N, C-alpha and C. Protein backbone atom coordinates (compact mmCIF):
# COMPACT_ATOMS: atom_id res chain seq x y z
N MET A 1 13.02 7.60 -8.01
CA MET A 1 12.13 7.34 -9.34
C MET A 1 11.02 8.14 -8.75
N VAL A 2 9.86 8.61 -10.15
CA VAL A 2 8.65 9.30 -9.99
C VAL A 2 7.77 8.46 -10.27
N VAL A 3 6.58 7.81 -9.76
CA VAL A 3 5.59 7.38 -10.12
C VAL A 3 4.48 7.78 -10.14
N VAL A 4 3.62 7.94 -11.81
CA VAL A 4 2.67 8.77 -12.04
C VAL A 4 1.45 7.63 -12.20
N CYS A 5 -0.01 8.13 -11.79
CA CYS A 5 -0.82 7.07 -11.70
C CYS A 5 -2.03 7.78 -12.29
N LEU A 6 -2.61 7.46 -13.57
CA LEU A 6 -4.12 8.34 -13.66
C LEU A 6 -5.26 7.33 -13.57
N MET A 7 -6.38 7.51 -13.15
CA MET A 7 -7.27 6.60 -12.57
C MET A 7 -8.64 7.33 -12.94
N ASN A 8 -9.36 6.45 -13.76
CA ASN A 8 -10.64 6.55 -13.89
C ASN A 8 -11.59 5.91 -12.95
N PHE A 9 -12.83 6.65 -12.61
CA PHE A 9 -13.58 6.46 -11.82
C PHE A 9 -14.94 7.17 -12.27
N LYS A 10 -15.84 6.37 -11.77
CA LYS A 10 -17.42 6.66 -11.94
C LYS A 10 -17.87 7.15 -10.63
N VAL A 11 -18.70 8.21 -10.65
CA VAL A 11 -19.83 8.85 -9.49
C VAL A 11 -20.86 9.21 -10.47
N ALA A 12 -22.02 8.47 -9.72
CA ALA A 12 -23.20 8.45 -10.35
C ALA A 12 -23.17 8.27 -12.01
N TYR A 13 -23.56 9.41 -12.37
CA TYR A 13 -23.18 9.62 -13.99
C TYR A 13 -22.55 9.88 -14.53
N TYR A 14 -21.25 10.27 -13.58
CA TYR A 14 -20.10 11.03 -14.24
C TYR A 14 -18.82 10.26 -14.39
N MET A 15 -17.81 10.31 -15.34
CA MET A 15 -16.40 9.77 -15.10
C MET A 15 -15.45 10.77 -14.83
N LEU A 16 -14.76 10.55 -13.97
CA LEU A 16 -13.98 11.12 -13.67
C LEU A 16 -12.28 11.23 -13.82
N MET A 17 -11.58 11.77 -13.36
CA MET A 17 -10.03 11.19 -13.59
C MET A 17 -9.30 11.73 -12.60
N ILE A 18 -8.06 11.04 -11.74
CA ILE A 18 -7.59 11.85 -10.89
C ILE A 18 -5.86 11.15 -11.52
N LEU A 19 -5.03 12.26 -11.19
CA LEU A 19 -3.76 11.64 -11.26
C LEU A 19 -3.05 12.24 -9.73
N ILE A 20 -2.39 10.65 -9.74
CA ILE A 20 -1.36 10.79 -8.42
C ILE A 20 0.02 10.86 -8.60
N ILE A 21 0.85 11.53 -8.21
CA ILE A 21 2.22 11.40 -8.18
C ILE A 21 3.02 11.18 -6.71
N THR A 22 3.93 10.39 -7.01
CA THR A 22 4.76 9.74 -5.38
C THR A 22 6.12 9.64 -6.03
N HIS A 23 7.08 9.71 -5.35
CA HIS A 23 8.28 9.42 -5.05
C HIS A 23 8.77 8.05 -5.37
N THR A 24 8.16 7.07 -4.89
CA THR A 24 8.37 5.77 -4.87
C THR A 24 7.25 4.91 -5.14
N VAL A 25 7.52 3.61 -5.70
CA VAL A 25 6.26 2.63 -5.88
C VAL A 25 5.53 2.63 -4.73
N HIS A 26 6.25 2.19 -3.52
CA HIS A 26 5.64 1.76 -2.21
C HIS A 26 4.75 2.93 -1.67
N ALA A 27 5.15 4.20 -1.85
CA ALA A 27 4.41 5.30 -1.68
C ALA A 27 2.91 5.81 -2.41
N MET A 28 2.81 5.26 -3.78
CA MET A 28 2.05 5.04 -4.54
C MET A 28 1.09 3.87 -3.95
N GLN A 29 1.71 2.96 -3.88
CA GLN A 29 0.87 1.80 -3.31
C GLN A 29 -0.29 2.32 -1.90
N MET A 30 0.61 2.69 -1.31
CA MET A 30 -0.28 3.50 -0.36
C MET A 30 -1.25 4.34 -0.50
N MET A 31 -0.88 5.50 -1.28
CA MET A 31 -2.13 6.02 -1.94
C MET A 31 -3.00 5.67 -2.33
N LEU A 32 -2.71 4.42 -3.05
CA LEU A 32 -3.79 3.86 -3.84
C LEU A 32 -5.04 2.73 -2.81
N ARG A 33 -4.53 2.77 -1.90
CA ARG A 33 -4.74 1.73 -0.36
C ARG A 33 -6.04 2.94 0.08
N LEU A 34 -5.44 4.43 0.08
CA LEU A 34 -6.32 5.31 0.65
C LEU A 34 -7.41 5.40 -0.40
N CYS A 35 -7.13 5.45 -1.66
CA CYS A 35 -8.18 5.69 -2.57
C CYS A 35 -9.39 4.60 -2.78
N ASP A 36 -8.84 3.26 -2.60
CA ASP A 36 -9.54 2.25 -2.29
C ASP A 36 -10.46 2.41 -1.14
N LYS A 37 -9.97 2.77 -0.04
CA LYS A 37 -10.58 3.04 1.41
C LYS A 37 -11.99 3.91 1.28
N PHE A 38 -11.68 5.34 0.48
CA PHE A 38 -12.60 5.93 0.16
C PHE A 38 -13.52 5.80 -0.82
N ALA A 39 -13.24 4.73 -1.53
CA ALA A 39 -14.15 4.55 -2.86
C ALA A 39 -14.71 3.39 -2.22
N ASN A 40 -14.79 2.67 -1.18
CA ASN A 40 -15.63 1.61 -0.43
C ASN A 40 -16.41 2.59 0.62
N ASP A 41 -15.95 3.73 1.27
CA ASP A 41 -16.63 4.44 2.09
C ASP A 41 -17.67 5.22 1.41
N PHE A 42 -17.58 5.40 -0.15
CA PHE A 42 -18.59 6.58 -0.81
C PHE A 42 -19.12 5.94 -1.66
N ASP A 43 -19.12 4.15 -2.01
CA ASP A 43 -19.66 3.69 -2.76
C ASP A 43 -19.23 3.91 -4.28
N ILE A 44 -18.14 4.32 -4.46
CA ILE A 44 -17.20 4.55 -5.97
C ILE A 44 -16.48 3.54 -6.62
N LYS A 45 -16.52 3.27 -7.91
CA LYS A 45 -15.59 2.27 -8.09
C LYS A 45 -14.69 2.73 -9.38
N PHE A 46 -13.34 2.43 -9.27
CA PHE A 46 -12.49 2.48 -9.84
C PHE A 46 -12.38 1.81 -11.29
N ASN A 47 -12.15 2.03 -12.27
CA ASN A 47 -11.93 1.36 -13.35
C ASN A 47 -10.30 1.10 -13.83
N CYS A 48 -10.05 -0.12 -13.52
CA CYS A 48 -8.85 -0.51 -13.55
C CYS A 48 -8.52 -0.94 -14.89
N GLY A 49 -9.34 -1.04 -15.66
CA GLY A 49 -9.29 -1.25 -17.54
C GLY A 49 -8.82 -0.16 -17.71
N LYS A 50 -9.02 0.96 -17.46
CA LYS A 50 -8.50 2.51 -17.80
C LYS A 50 -7.67 3.10 -17.07
N SER A 51 -7.29 2.16 -16.08
CA SER A 51 -6.31 3.14 -14.89
C SER A 51 -4.79 2.73 -15.22
N VAL A 52 -3.72 3.62 -15.35
CA VAL A 52 -2.69 3.29 -15.88
C VAL A 52 -1.64 4.21 -14.89
N ALA A 53 -0.51 3.32 -14.72
CA ALA A 53 0.63 3.81 -14.07
C ALA A 53 1.93 3.87 -14.83
N MET A 54 2.99 4.74 -14.68
CA MET A 54 4.25 4.79 -15.11
C MET A 54 5.41 5.40 -14.26
N CYS A 55 6.54 4.61 -14.31
CA CYS A 55 7.72 5.27 -13.63
C CYS A 55 8.43 6.11 -14.47
N ILE A 56 8.96 6.88 -13.79
CA ILE A 56 9.70 8.39 -14.83
C ILE A 56 11.20 8.25 -13.80
N GLY A 57 12.03 8.34 -14.36
CA GLY A 57 13.59 8.62 -13.76
C GLY A 57 14.30 7.60 -14.36
N LYS A 58 15.72 7.43 -13.73
CA LYS A 58 16.62 6.44 -14.13
C LYS A 58 16.79 5.29 -14.08
N ARG A 59 15.78 4.74 -13.06
CA ARG A 59 15.33 3.41 -12.98
C ARG A 59 14.15 3.15 -13.47
N PHE A 60 13.66 3.83 -14.66
CA PHE A 60 12.08 3.62 -15.16
C PHE A 60 11.97 2.32 -15.77
N LYS A 61 13.30 1.64 -16.19
CA LYS A 61 13.00 0.37 -16.89
C LYS A 61 12.98 -0.84 -15.96
N GLU A 62 13.55 -0.70 -14.75
CA GLU A 62 13.18 -1.67 -13.57
C GLU A 62 12.18 -2.37 -13.35
N LYS A 63 12.04 -3.44 -13.55
CA LYS A 63 10.60 -4.25 -13.03
C LYS A 63 9.99 -4.03 -11.65
N CYS A 64 9.01 -3.54 -11.19
CA CYS A 64 8.37 -3.60 -9.97
C CYS A 64 7.68 -4.46 -9.62
N VAL A 65 7.13 -4.22 -8.55
CA VAL A 65 5.57 -4.85 -8.31
C VAL A 65 4.60 -4.53 -8.82
N PRO A 66 3.41 -5.06 -9.07
CA PRO A 66 2.35 -4.27 -9.45
C PRO A 66 1.55 -3.38 -8.74
N LEU A 67 1.14 -2.59 -9.14
CA LEU A 67 0.37 -1.32 -8.17
C LEU A 67 -1.31 -2.06 -8.24
N GLN A 68 -1.93 -2.06 -7.17
CA GLN A 68 -3.37 -2.49 -7.43
C GLN A 68 -4.52 -1.48 -6.89
N ILE A 69 -5.48 -1.89 -7.11
CA ILE A 69 -6.62 -1.02 -6.53
C ILE A 69 -7.74 -1.93 -6.81
N ASP A 70 -8.73 -2.05 -5.79
CA ASP A 70 -9.63 -2.78 -5.73
C ASP A 70 -9.11 -4.47 -5.88
N ASN A 71 -8.08 -4.81 -5.70
CA ASN A 71 -7.21 -6.12 -5.91
C ASN A 71 -7.24 -6.35 -7.27
N LYS A 72 -6.73 -5.30 -7.94
CA LYS A 72 -7.03 -5.76 -9.40
C LYS A 72 -5.54 -5.00 -9.94
N ASP A 73 -4.81 -5.54 -10.82
CA ASP A 73 -3.79 -5.08 -11.16
C ASP A 73 -3.69 -3.52 -11.98
N ILE A 74 -3.20 -2.56 -11.83
CA ILE A 74 -3.25 -1.59 -12.60
C ILE A 74 -2.07 -1.50 -13.64
N CYS A 75 -2.37 -1.43 -15.03
CA CYS A 75 -1.45 -1.35 -16.28
C CYS A 75 -0.09 -0.60 -16.20
N MET A 76 0.91 -1.18 -16.25
CA MET A 76 2.26 -0.19 -16.04
C MET A 76 2.77 0.22 -17.38
N LEU A 77 2.73 1.51 -17.84
CA LEU A 77 3.06 1.92 -19.15
C LEU A 77 4.67 2.07 -19.46
N LEU A 78 5.20 1.24 -20.33
CA LEU A 78 6.75 1.38 -20.28
C LEU A 78 7.19 2.57 -21.18
N ASN A 79 6.37 2.79 -22.14
CA ASN A 79 6.70 4.47 -22.80
C ASN A 79 5.18 5.01 -23.15
N LEU A 80 5.46 6.18 -23.63
CA LEU A 80 3.94 7.20 -24.08
C LEU A 80 3.28 6.71 -25.61
N ASP A 81 4.06 5.62 -26.01
CA ASP A 81 3.25 5.27 -27.63
C ASP A 81 2.10 5.27 -27.50
N VAL A 82 1.09 5.58 -28.05
CA VAL A 82 -0.07 5.16 -28.48
C VAL A 82 -0.62 4.15 -29.40
């Protein structure tokens, strides 16, 4: 399974996005913890309302634990329909 996460965050007056790709949900949560620490150290706020994650692969339909940043759940997409 591949986990993809797109996160929005604000630095000064700029909105930026980062894309994180990992091979497991656990690895993604570890990366999000690193992002959380970086955000706290440099006074950056992630916008969890505009951040999304999606699992890709054979087990993409399996339910997994919610991914979190700043102690808030990130929305898990089930498909790419907008």
